[in-house]
């Protein structure tokens, strides 16, 4: 949900959070690469399916990051689905999760239900 997929591409708005999170702060490119999901997307690599959700009025650079990450996954042949929330802000997208029957929650639940692997129980054979 409106994620940061390449931490090196976050602008000054995020420097305080990055400085509190990483020893080298927002200037520590190696740490930012290591913590960025986009670093690990490579063709031929086996990755889980992704669901990317982003909104119209998000924080600076996050919509572009969602689109770039989705494109990188698709070009690498990785399974990805996405939704764009028109008229949502970053905050309204997050708080919408409190509504169990709301659009955002139902979209996430629907995705999870289509990708959950149900356990198969084989009969126990005793000899």
Protein backbone atom coordinates (compact mmCIF):
# COMPACT_ATOMS: atom_id res chain seq x y z
CA UNK A 1 0.00 0.00 0.00
CA UNK A 2 1.64 3.18 -1.24
CA UNK A 3 5.04 1.75 -0.53
CA UNK A 4 8.54 3.01 -1.01
CA UNK A 5 10.12 0.48 -3.35
CA UNK A 6 13.40 2.30 -4.01
CA UNK A 7 14.53 4.21 -0.93
CA UNK A 8 17.22 6.10 -2.84
CA UNK A 9 14.48 7.79 -4.86
CA UNK A 10 12.73 9.25 -1.82
CA UNK A 11 13.04 13.00 -1.60
CA UNK A 12 13.73 15.39 1.27
CA UNK A 13 10.26 14.83 2.75
CA UNK A 14 11.49 11.39 3.86
CA UNK A 15 15.04 12.29 4.99
CA UNK A 16 14.10 12.55 8.66
CA UNK A 17 12.60 9.04 8.68
CA UNK A 18 15.57 7.62 6.76
CA UNK A 19 18.02 9.37 9.09
CA UNK A 20 16.30 7.80 12.09
CA UNK A 21 16.20 4.37 10.48
CA UNK A 22 19.68 3.93 8.98
CA UNK A 23 23.05 4.58 10.68
CA UNK A 24 24.26 6.48 7.63
CA UNK A 25 20.89 8.15 7.16
CA UNK A 26 19.54 9.11 3.77
CA UNK A 27 23.09 9.28 2.34
CA UNK A 28 23.86 5.59 3.02
CA UNK A 29 23.19 4.27 -0.49
CA UNK A 30 24.27 0.71 0.33
CA UNK A 31 21.82 0.48 3.23
CA UNK A 32 19.04 2.06 1.17
CA UNK A 33 19.65 -0.42 -1.65
CA UNK A 34 19.60 -3.33 0.78
CA UNK A 35 16.27 -2.17 2.22
CA UNK A 36 14.65 -1.45 -1.16
CA UNK A 37 12.36 -4.13 -2.63
CA UNK A 38 13.24 -3.06 -6.19
CA UNK A 39 16.84 -4.17 -5.58
CA UNK A 40 15.72 -7.80 -5.49
CA UNK A 41 13.69 -7.91 -8.69
CA UNK A 42 15.66 -9.77 -11.32
CA UNK A 43 14.48 -11.73 -14.34
CA UNK A 44 14.62 -15.46 -13.71
CA UNK A 45 14.50 -14.99 -9.94
CA UNK A 46 11.60 -16.70 -8.21
CA UNK A 47 9.50 -14.16 -6.34
CA UNK A 48 6.11 -14.37 -4.65
CA UNK A 49 3.14 -12.71 -6.35
CA UNK A 50 2.80 -9.00 -5.60
CA UNK A 51 -0.22 -6.79 -5.07
CA UNK A 52 0.54 -3.09 -5.43
CA UNK A 53 -2.00 -0.58 -4.22
CA UNK A 54 -1.46 3.16 -4.58
CA UNK A 55 -3.59 6.25 -4.53
CA UNK A 56 -4.15 9.46 -6.44
CA UNK A 57 -3.12 11.97 -3.78
CA UNK A 58 -0.21 10.13 -2.22
CA UNK A 59 3.00 11.42 -0.69
CA UNK A 60 5.63 12.74 -3.07
CA UNK A 61 7.23 10.09 -5.33
CA UNK A 62 5.20 7.14 -4.02
CA UNK A 63 2.84 6.86 -7.03
CA UNK A 64 5.82 6.97 -9.40
CA UNK A 65 7.58 4.34 -7.30
CA UNK A 66 4.54 2.06 -7.43
CA UNK A 67 4.36 2.34 -11.21
CA UNK A 68 8.10 1.84 -11.64
CA UNK A 69 8.14 -1.19 -9.33
CA UNK A 70 5.13 -2.72 -11.09
CA UNK A 71 6.80 -2.20 -14.48
CA UNK A 72 10.02 -3.76 -13.24
CA UNK A 73 8.12 -6.81 -11.95
CA UNK A 74 6.16 -7.17 -15.19
CA UNK A 75 9.27 -6.82 -17.38
CA UNK A 76 10.97 -9.48 -15.28
CA UNK A 77 8.05 -11.84 -15.80
CA UNK A 78 6.98 -11.75 -12.15
CA UNK A 79 3.34 -12.05 -11.10
CA UNK A 80 1.92 -8.66 -10.11
CA UNK A 81 -1.55 -7.19 -9.72
CA UNK A 82 -2.31 -3.60 -8.86
CA UNK A 83 -5.06 -1.17 -8.06
CA UNK A 84 -5.19 2.61 -8.21
CA UNK A 85 -7.39 4.38 -5.68
CA UNK A 86 -8.91 7.46 -7.25
CA UNK A 87 -9.64 10.36 -4.84
CA UNK A 88 -7.70 8.77 -1.94
CA UNK A 89 -4.83 10.37 -0.03
CA UNK A 90 -2.07 8.45 1.70
CA UNK A 91 -3.86 8.93 5.00
CA UNK A 92 -7.35 8.06 3.76
CA UNK A 93 -5.99 4.93 2.07
CA UNK A 94 -4.44 3.76 5.36
CA UNK A 95 -7.40 4.64 7.57
CA UNK A 96 -9.77 2.93 5.12
CA UNK A 97 -8.38 -0.37 6.39
CA UNK A 98 -10.50 0.11 9.50
CA UNK A 99 -13.61 -0.40 7.35
CA UNK A 100 -13.93 -4.16 6.98
CA UNK A 101 -16.47 -3.84 4.18
CA UNK A 102 -14.79 -0.85 2.52
CA UNK A 103 -13.23 -0.70 -0.94
CA UNK A 104 -9.59 -0.84 0.19
CA UNK A 105 -10.01 -3.70 2.66
CA UNK A 106 -12.13 -5.72 0.25
CA UNK A 107 -9.57 -5.29 -2.54
CA UNK A 108 -6.82 -6.64 -0.29
CA UNK A 109 -8.97 -9.49 1.03
CA UNK A 110 -9.98 -10.45 -2.51
CA UNK A 111 -6.32 -10.58 -3.58
CA UNK A 112 -5.33 -12.70 -0.57
CA UNK A 113 -8.21 -15.11 -1.11
CA UNK A 114 -7.23 -15.66 -4.74
CA UNK A 115 -3.60 -16.39 -3.82
CA UNK A 116 -3.91 -18.40 -0.63
CA UNK A 117 -2.78 -21.96 -0.91
CA UNK A 118 -5.22 -24.20 0.84
CA UNK A 119 -3.62 -27.11 2.68
CA UNK A 120 -4.33 -30.56 1.34
CA UNK A 121 -4.71 -33.24 3.96
CA UNK A 122 -3.78 -36.71 2.84
CA UNK A 123 -5.21 -39.67 4.70
CA UNK A 124 -2.95 -41.08 7.37
CA UNK A 125 -2.03 -44.67 6.62
CA UNK A 126 -0.92 -46.72 9.60
CA UNK A 127 0.74 -50.10 9.21
